[in-house]
Amino acid sequence: MADKQISLPAKLINGGVAGLIGVTCVFPIDLAKTRLQNQQNGSRLYTSMSDCLIKTIRSEGYFGMYRGTFMWLIVNKELICE
């Protein structure tokens, strides 16, 4: 199996799928982290990361966890297109 070459289109497709899965899994966690960090000391809306994700899903729906993804992809296009 080591002597078999993988074609360029196959590498591009595999890399795209891996990137998509990575963003899909990591972005909600990063959103919860950011919301927890941005809380003011006097008014804590979230108690934990899971509490933040549950409240986000209830108030904004499932796709609320991916709010800002498109802009993140535009800003970080240099990282994506390397």
PDB file of N, CA and C in Angstrom:
ATOM      1  N   MET A   1       0.815  -1.190   0.000  1.00  0.00           N
ATOM      2  CA  MET A   1       0.000   0.000   0.000  1.00  0.00           C
ATOM      3  C   MET A   1       0.864   1.263   0.000  1.00  0.00           C
ATOM      4  N   ALA A   2       2.103   1.174   0.453  1.00  0.00           N
ATOM      5  CA  ALA A   2       2.969   2.340   0.527  1.00  0.00           C
ATOM      6  C   ALA A   2       3.416   2.817  -0.848  1.00  0.00           C
ATOM      7  N   ASP A   3       3.445   1.939  -1.856  1.00  0.00           N
ATOM      8  CA  ASP A   3       3.901   2.332  -3.180  1.00  0.00           C
ATOM      9  C   ASP A   3       2.796   2.930  -4.045  1.00  0.00           C
ATOM     10  N   LYS A   4       1.576   2.964  -3.565  1.00  0.00           N
ATOM     11  CA  LYS A   4       0.449   3.490  -4.344  1.00  0.00           C
ATOM     12  C   LYS A   4       0.364   5.011  -4.183  1.00  0.00           C
ATOM     13  N   GLN A   5       0.307   5.744  -5.288  1.00  0.00           N
ATOM     14  CA  GLN A   5       0.209   7.201  -5.274  1.00  0.00           C
ATOM     15  C   GLN A   5      -1.258   7.626  -5.212  1.00  0.00           C
ATOM     16  N   ILE A   6      -1.538   8.638  -4.422  1.00  0.00           N
ATOM     17  CA  ILE A   6      -2.886   9.194  -4.324  1.00  0.00           C
ATOM     18  C   ILE A   6      -2.942  10.413  -5.232  1.00  0.00           C
ATOM     19  N   SER A   7      -3.976  10.484  -6.054  1.00  0.00           N
ATOM     20  CA  SER A   7      -4.085  11.566  -7.029  1.00  0.00           C
ATOM     21  C   SER A   7      -4.373  12.910  -6.342  1.00  0.00           C
ATOM     22  N   LEU A   8      -4.059  13.981  -7.042  1.00  0.00           N
ATOM     23  CA  LEU A   8      -4.271  15.330  -6.511  1.00  0.00           C
ATOM     24  C   LEU A   8      -5.748  15.613  -6.219  1.00  0.00           C
ATOM     25  N   PRO A   9      -6.690  15.285  -7.126  1.00  0.00           N
ATOM     26  CA  PRO A   9      -8.105  15.526  -6.785  1.00  0.00           C
ATOM     27  C   PRO A   9      -8.561  14.773  -5.532  1.00  0.00           C
ATOM     28  N   ALA A  10      -8.060  13.561  -5.352  1.00  0.00           N
ATOM     29  CA  ALA A  10      -8.414  12.796  -4.149  1.00  0.00           C
ATOM     30  C   ALA A  10      -7.871  13.481  -2.895  1.00  0.00           C
ATOM     31  N   LYS A  11      -6.649  14.011  -2.984  1.00  0.00           N
ATOM     32  CA  LYS A  11      -6.070  14.728  -1.839  1.00  0.00           C
ATOM     33  C   LYS A  11      -6.866  15.994  -1.522  1.00  0.00           C
ATOM     34  N   LEU A  12      -7.279  16.717  -2.571  1.00  0.00           N
ATOM     35  CA  LEU A  12      -8.055  17.940  -2.361  1.00  0.00           C
ATOM     36  C   LEU A  12      -9.415  17.631  -1.736  1.00  0.00           C
ATOM     37  N   ILE A  13     -10.064  16.589  -2.206  1.00  0.00           N
ATOM     38  CA  ILE A  13     -11.368  16.207  -1.644  1.00  0.00           C
ATOM     39  C   ILE A  13     -11.212  15.764  -0.196  1.00  0.00           C
ATOM     40  N   ASN A  14     -10.209  14.938   0.078  1.00  0.00           N
ATOM     41  CA  ASN A  14      -9.976  14.481   1.453  1.00  0.00           C
ATOM     42  C   ASN A  14      -9.648  15.645   2.384  1.00  0.00           C
ATOM     43  N   GLY A  15      -8.838  16.581   1.914  1.00  0.00           N
ATOM     44  CA  GLY A  15      -8.505  17.748   2.728  1.00  0.00           C
ATOM     45  C   GLY A  15      -9.714  18.633   2.985  1.00  0.00           C
ATOM     46  N   GLY A  16     -10.558  18.799   1.969  1.00  0.00           N
ATOM     47  CA  GLY A  16     -11.773  19.599   2.136  1.00  0.00           C
ATOM     48  C   GLY A  16     -12.740  18.981   3.124  1.00  0.00           C
ATOM     49  N   VAL A  17     -12.925  17.668   3.023  1.00  0.00           N
ATOM     50  CA  VAL A  17     -13.822  16.973   3.955  1.00  0.00           C
ATOM     51  C   VAL A  17     -13.278  17.044   5.377  1.00  0.00           C
ATOM     52  N   ALA A  18     -11.976  16.854   5.542  1.00  0.00           N
ATOM     53  CA  ALA A  18     -11.367  16.941   6.874  1.00  0.00           C
ATOM     54  C   ALA A  18     -11.521  18.336   7.465  1.00  0.00           C
ATOM     55  N   GLY A  19     -11.324  19.358   6.638  1.00  0.00           N
ATOM     56  CA  GLY A  19     -11.495  20.726   7.113  1.00  0.00           C
ATOM     57  C   GLY A  19     -12.924  21.032   7.505  1.00  0.00           C
ATOM     58  N   LEU A  20     -13.862  20.553   6.713  1.00  0.00           N
ATOM     59  CA  LEU A  20     -15.278  20.764   7.008  1.00  0.00           C
ATOM     60  C   LEU A  20     -15.675  20.092   8.318  1.00  0.00           C
ATOM     61  N   ILE A  21     -15.213  18.884   8.517  1.00  0.00           N
ATOM     62  CA  ILE A  21     -15.515  18.173   9.775  1.00  0.00           C
ATOM     63  C   ILE A  21     -14.871  18.897  10.953  1.00  0.00           C
ATOM     64  N   GLY A  22     -13.640  19.372  10.762  1.00  0.00           N
ATOM     65  CA  GLY A  22     -12.966  20.093  11.839  1.00  0.00           C
ATOM     66  C   GLY A  22     -13.700  21.354  12.240  1.00  0.00           C
ATOM     67  N   VAL A  23     -14.110  22.161  11.268  1.00  0.00           N
ATOM     68  CA  VAL A  23     -14.839  23.402  11.566  1.00  0.00           C
ATOM     69  C   VAL A  23     -16.192  23.078  12.200  1.00  0.00           C
ATOM     70  N   THR A  24     -16.854  22.044  11.697  1.00  0.00           N
ATOM     71  CA  THR A  24     -18.166  21.671  12.230  1.00  0.00           C
ATOM     72  C   THR A  24     -18.083  21.263  13.690  1.00  0.00           C
ATOM     73  N   CYS A  25     -17.017  20.590  14.071  1.00  0.00           N
ATOM     74  CA  CYS A  25     -16.881  20.134  15.459  1.00  0.00           C
ATOM     75  C   CYS A  25     -16.331  21.210  16.388  1.00  0.00           C
ATOM     76  N   VAL A  26     -15.415  22.006  15.906  1.00  0.00           N
ATOM     77  CA  VAL A  26     -14.705  22.946  16.767  1.00  0.00           C
ATOM     78  C   VAL A  26     -15.447  24.262  16.934  1.00  0.00           C
ATOM     79  N   PHE A  27     -16.169  24.721  15.916  1.00  0.00           N
ATOM     80  CA  PHE A  27     -16.767  26.050  15.981  1.00  0.00           C
ATOM     81  C   PHE A  27     -17.757  26.218  17.140  1.00  0.00           C
ATOM     82  N   PRO A  28     -18.667  25.254  17.420  1.00  0.00           N
ATOM     83  CA  PRO A  28     -19.547  25.434  18.588  1.00  0.00           C
ATOM     84  C   PRO A  28     -18.791  25.522  19.911  1.00  0.00           C
ATOM     85  N   ILE A  29     -17.711  24.773  20.037  1.00  0.00           N
ATOM     86  CA  ILE A  29     -16.913  24.821  21.263  1.00  0.00           C
ATOM     87  C   ILE A  29     -16.245  26.190  21.401  1.00  0.00           C
ATOM     88  N   ASP A  30     -15.740  26.716  20.303  1.00  0.00           N
ATOM     89  CA  ASP A  30     -15.109  28.033  20.322  1.00  0.00           C
ATOM     90  C   ASP A  30     -16.139  29.122  20.620  1.00  0.00           C
ATOM     91  N   LEU A  31     -17.349  28.991  20.089  1.00  0.00           N
ATOM     92  CA  LEU A  31     -18.416  29.948  20.372  1.00  0.00           C
ATOM     93  C   LEU A  31     -18.739  29.965  21.867  1.00  0.00           C
ATOM     94  N   ALA A  32     -18.875  28.783  22.468  1.00  0.00           N
ATOM     95  CA  ALA A  32     -19.174  28.697  23.902  1.00  0.00           C
ATOM     96  C   ALA A  32     -18.037  29.291  24.722  1.00  0.00           C
ATOM     97  N   LYS A  33     -16.791  29.010  24.338  1.00  0.00           N
ATOM     98  CA  LYS A  33     -15.635  29.569  25.050  1.00  0.00           C
ATOM     99  C   LYS A  33     -15.650  31.091  25.005  1.00  0.00           C
ATOM    100  N   THR A  34     -15.929  31.640  23.827  1.00  0.00           N
ATOM    101  CA  THR A  34     -15.950  33.093  23.672  1.00  0.00           C
ATOM    102  C   THR A  34     -17.070  33.717  24.491  1.00  0.00           C
ATOM    103  N   ARG A  35     -18.243  33.103  24.469  1.00  0.00           N
ATOM    104  CA  ARG A  35     -19.364  33.648  25.254  1.00  0.00           C
ATOM    105  C   ARG A  35     -19.096  33.567  26.743  1.00  0.00           C
ATOM    106  N   LEU A  36     -18.458  32.502  27.191  1.00  0.00           N
ATOM    107  CA  LEU A  36     -18.116  32.398  28.613  1.00  0.00           C
ATOM    108  C   LEU A  36     -17.077  33.454  29.003  1.00  0.00           C
ATOM    109  N   GLN A  37     -16.116  33.704  28.134  1.00  0.00           N
ATOM    110  CA  GLN A  37     -15.084  34.700  28.439  1.00  0.00           C
ATOM    111  C   GLN A  37     -15.631  36.117  28.431  1.00  0.00           C
ATOM    112  N   ASN A  38     -16.655  36.378  27.639  1.00  0.00           N
ATOM    113  CA  ASN A  38     -17.203  37.726  27.513  1.00  0.00           C
ATOM    114  C   ASN A  38     -18.246  38.067  28.570  1.00  0.00           C
ATOM    115  N   GLN A  39     -18.530  37.158  29.488  1.00  0.00           N
ATOM    116  CA  GLN A  39     -19.497  37.459  30.538  1.00  0.00           C
ATOM    117  C   GLN A  39     -18.927  38.500  31.503  1.00  0.00           C
ATOM    118  N   GLN A  40     -19.804  39.349  31.982  1.00  0.00           N
ATOM    119  CA  GLN A  40     -19.414  40.316  33.009  1.00  0.00           C
ATOM    120  C   GLN A  40     -19.492  39.631  34.367  1.00  0.00           C
ATOM    121  N   ASN A  41     -18.696  40.089  35.306  1.00  0.00           N
ATOM    122  CA  ASN A  41     -18.663  39.456  36.627  1.00  0.00           C
ATOM    123  C   ASN A  41     -20.008  39.504  37.337  1.00  0.00           C
ATOM    124  N   GLY A  42     -20.726  40.617  37.219  1.00  0.00           N
ATOM    125  CA  GLY A  42     -21.995  40.758  37.920  1.00  0.00           C
ATOM    126  C   GLY A  42     -23.135  39.968  37.313  1.00  0.00           C
ATOM    127  N   SER A  43     -23.138  39.791  36.016  1.00  0.00           N
ATOM    128  CA  SER A  43     -24.257  39.106  35.350  1.00  0.00           C
ATOM    129  C   SER A  43     -23.758  37.884  34.593  1.00  0.00           C
ATOM    130  N   ARG A  44     -23.746  36.766  35.263  1.00  0.00           N
ATOM    131  CA  ARG A  44     -23.317  35.525  34.624  1.00  0.00           C
ATOM    132  C   ARG A  44     -24.542  34.830  34.033  1.00  0.00           C
ATOM    133  N   LEU A  45     -24.572  34.717  32.711  1.00  0.00           N
ATOM    134  CA  LEU A  45     -25.675  34.074  32.017  1.00  0.00           C
ATOM    135  C   LEU A  45     -25.455  32.567  31.924  1.00  0.00           C
ATOM    136  N   TYR A  46     -24.202  32.153  31.797  1.00  0.00           N
ATOM    137  CA  TYR A  46     -23.877  30.739  31.629  1.00  0.00           C
ATOM    138  C   TYR A  46     -23.028  30.251  32.800  1.00  0.00           C
ATOM    139  N   THR A  47     -23.262  29.010  33.215  1.00  0.00           N
ATOM    140  CA  THR A  47     -22.497  28.446  34.321  1.00  0.00           C
ATOM    141  C   THR A  47     -21.392  27.509  33.843  1.00  0.00           C
ATOM    142  N   SER A  48     -21.563  26.915  32.671  1.00  0.00           N
ATOM    143  CA  SER A  48     -20.564  25.994  32.134  1.00  0.00           C
ATOM    144  C   SER A  48     -20.657  25.980  30.613  1.00  0.00           C
ATOM    145  N   MET A  49     -19.741  25.262  29.992  1.00  0.00           N
ATOM    146  CA  MET A  49     -19.737  25.186  28.540  1.00  0.00           C
ATOM    147  C   MET A  49     -20.987  24.461  28.029  1.00  0.00           C
ATOM    148  N   SER A  50     -21.356  23.379  28.678  1.00  0.00           N
ATOM    149  CA  SER A  50     -22.559  22.652  28.249  1.00  0.00           C
ATOM    150  C   SER A  50     -23.813  23.496  28.460  1.00  0.00           C
ATOM    151  N   ASP A  51     -23.875  24.254  29.551  1.00  0.00           N
ATOM    152  CA  ASP A  51     -25.000  25.148  29.793  1.00  0.00           C
ATOM    153  C   ASP A  51     -25.094  26.201  28.694  1.00  0.00           C
ATOM    154  N   CYS A  52     -23.954  26.724  28.273  1.00  0.00           N
ATOM    155  CA  CYS A  52     -23.921  27.720  27.204  1.00  0.00           C
ATOM    156  C   CYS A  52     -24.425  27.127  25.890  1.00  0.00           C
ATOM    157  N   LEU A  53     -23.972  25.930  25.541  1.00  0.00           N
ATOM    158  CA  LEU A  53     -24.408  25.295  24.294  1.00  0.00           C
ATOM    159  C   LEU A  53     -25.900  24.977  24.319  1.00  0.00           C
ATOM    160  N   ILE A  54     -26.398  24.493  25.447  1.00  0.00           N
ATOM    161  CA  ILE A  54     -27.833  24.168  25.562  1.00  0.00           C
ATOM    162  C   ILE A  54     -28.675  25.428  25.435  1.00  0.00           C
ATOM    163  N   LYS A  55     -28.281  26.498  26.130  1.00  0.00           N
ATOM    164  CA  LYS A  55     -29.039  27.753  26.047  1.00  0.00           C
ATOM    165  C   LYS A  55     -28.968  28.359  24.649  1.00  0.00           C
ATOM    166  N   THR A  56     -27.834  28.210  23.982  1.00  0.00           N
ATOM    167  CA  THR A  56     -27.709  28.715  22.614  1.00  0.00           C
ATOM    168  C   THR A  56     -28.644  27.958  21.674  1.00  0.00           C
ATOM    169  N   ILE A  57     -28.689  26.651  21.795  1.00  0.00           N
ATOM    170  CA  ILE A  57     -29.582  25.848  20.942  1.00  0.00           C
ATOM    171  C   ILE A  57     -31.033  26.202  21.217  1.00  0.00           C
ATOM    172  N   ARG A  58     -31.394  26.376  22.485  1.00  0.00           N
ATOM    173  CA  ARG A  58     -32.791  26.700  22.822  1.00  0.00           C
ATOM    174  C   ARG A  58     -33.201  28.081  22.328  1.00  0.00           C
ATOM    175  N   SER A  59     -32.301  29.047  22.435  1.00  0.00           N
ATOM    176  CA  SER A  59     -32.687  30.415  22.076  1.00  0.00           C
ATOM    177  C   SER A  59     -32.465  30.739  20.597  1.00  0.00           C
ATOM    178  N   GLU A  60     -31.417  30.181  19.977  1.00  0.00           N
ATOM    179  CA  GLU A  60     -31.088  30.540  18.596  1.00  0.00           C
ATOM    180  C   GLU A  60     -31.243  29.392  17.613  1.00  0.00           C
ATOM    181  N   GLY A  61     -31.558  28.216  18.116  1.00  0.00           N
ATOM    182  CA  GLY A  61     -31.661  27.057  17.242  1.00  0.00           C
ATOM    183  C   GLY A  61     -30.305  26.404  17.023  1.00  0.00           C
ATOM    184  N   TYR A  62     -30.321  25.270  16.333  1.00  0.00           N
ATOM    185  CA  TYR A  62     -29.097  24.510  16.101  1.00  0.00           C
ATOM    186  C   TYR A  62     -28.057  25.333  15.336  1.00  0.00           C
ATOM    187  N   PHE A  63     -28.506  26.057  14.308  1.00  0.00           N
ATOM    188  CA  PHE A  63     -27.572  26.816  13.490  1.00  0.00           C
ATOM    189  C   PHE A  63     -27.064  28.073  14.189  1.00  0.00           C
ATOM    190  N   GLY A  64     -27.607  28.405  15.351  1.00  0.00           N
ATOM    191  CA  GLY A  64     -27.091  29.509  16.141  1.00  0.00           C
ATOM    192  C   GLY A  64     -25.678  29.243  16.633  1.00  0.00           C
ATOM    193  N   MET A  65     -25.317  27.962  16.743  1.00  0.00           N
ATOM    194  CA  MET A  65     -23.963  27.615  17.169  1.00  0.00           C
ATOM    195  C   MET A  65     -22.938  27.930  16.090  1.00  0.00           C
ATOM    196  N   TYR A  66     -23.398  28.124  14.861  1.00  0.00           N
ATOM    197  CA  TYR A  66     -22.489  28.396  13.747  1.00  0.00           C
ATOM    198  C   TYR A  66     -22.581  29.840  13.282  1.00  0.00           C
ATOM    199  N   ARG A  67     -23.162  30.707  14.094  1.00  0.00           N
ATOM    200  CA  ARG A  67     -23.243  32.120  13.748  1.00  0.00           C
ATOM    201  C   ARG A  67     -21.830  32.695  13.657  1.00  0.00           C
ATOM    202  N   GLY A  68     -21.542  33.347  12.547  1.00  0.00           N
ATOM    203  CA  GLY A  68     -20.235  33.937  12.343  1.00  0.00           C
ATOM    204  C   GLY A  68     -19.255  33.041  11.608  1.00  0.00           C
ATOM    205  N   THR A  69     -19.656  31.831  11.256  1.00  0.00           N
ATOM    206  CA  THR A  69     -18.754  30.910  10.565  1.00  0.00           C
ATOM    207  C   THR A  69     -18.318  31.452   9.214  1.00  0.00           C
ATOM    208  N   PHE A  70     -19.261  32.018   8.460  1.00  0.00           N
ATOM    209  CA  PHE A  70     -18.934  32.521   7.129  1.00  0.00           C
ATOM    210  C   PHE A  70     -17.888  33.623   7.214  1.00  0.00           C
ATOM    211  N   MET A  71     -18.056  34.534   8.141  1.00  0.00           N
ATOM    212  CA  MET A  71     -17.092  35.617   8.294  1.00  0.00           C
ATOM    213  C   MET A  71     -15.739  35.085   8.746  1.00  0.00           C
ATOM    214  N   TRP A  72     -15.734  34.087   9.614  1.00  0.00           N
ATOM    215  CA  TRP A  72     -14.485  33.480  10.059  1.00  0.00           C
ATOM    216  C   TRP A  72     -13.752  32.864   8.878  1.00  0.00           C
ATOM    217  N   LEU A  73     -14.490  32.204   7.986  1.00  0.00           N
ATOM    218  CA  LEU A  73     -13.866  31.605   6.808  1.00  0.00           C
ATOM    219  C   LEU A  73     -13.266  32.669   5.891  1.00  0.00           C
ATOM    220  N   ILE A  74     -13.938  33.802   5.757  1.00  0.00           N
ATOM    221  CA  ILE A  74     -13.415  34.881   4.910  1.00  0.00           C
ATOM    222  C   ILE A  74     -12.154  35.484   5.524  1.00  0.00           C
ATOM    223  N   VAL A  75     -12.173  35.746   6.818  1.00  0.00           N
ATOM    224  CA  VAL A  75     -11.031  36.374   7.488  1.00  0.00           C
ATOM    225  C   VAL A  75      -9.818  35.440   7.486  1.00  0.00           C
ATOM    226  N   ASN A  76     -10.045  34.151   7.639  1.00  0.00           N
ATOM    227  CA  ASN A  76      -8.947  33.181   7.745  1.00  0.00           C
ATOM    228  C   ASN A  76      -8.704  32.430   6.447  1.00  0.00           C
ATOM    229  N   LYS A  77      -8.974  33.034   5.311  1.00  0.00           N
ATOM    230  CA  LYS A  77      -8.808  32.336   4.039  1.00  0.00           C
ATOM    231  C   LYS A  77      -7.354  31.965   3.770  1.00  0.00           C
ATOM    232  N   GLU A  78      -6.399  32.719   4.325  1.00  0.00           N
ATOM    233  CA  GLU A  78      -4.999  32.377   4.132  1.00  0.00           C
ATOM    234  C   GLU A  78      -4.674  31.055   4.816  1.00  0.00           C
ATOM    235  N   LEU A  79      -5.265  30.803   5.966  1.00  0.00           N
ATOM    236  CA  LEU A  79      -5.038  29.544   6.662  1.00  0.00           C
ATOM    237  C   LEU A  79      -5.665  28.375   5.920  1.00  0.00           C
ATOM    238  N   ILE A  80      -6.814  28.627   5.318  1.00  0.00           N
ATOM    239  CA  ILE A  80      -7.557  27.572   4.647  1.00  0.00           C
ATOM    240  C   ILE A  80      -6.916  27.201   3.313  1.00  0.00           C
ATOM    241  N   CYS A  81      -6.400  28.187   2.597  1.00  0.00           N
ATOM    242  CA  CYS A  81      -5.890  27.971   1.238  1.00  0.00           C
ATOM    243  C   CYS A  81      -4.405  27.654   1.176  1.00  0.00           C
ATOM    244  N   GLU A  82      -3.785  27.296   2.262  1.00  0.00           N
ATOM    245  CA  GLU A  82      -2.349  26.980   2.234  1.00  0.00           C
ATOM    246  C   GLU A  82      -2.084  25.690   1.527  1.00  0.00           C
TER     247      GLU A  82
END
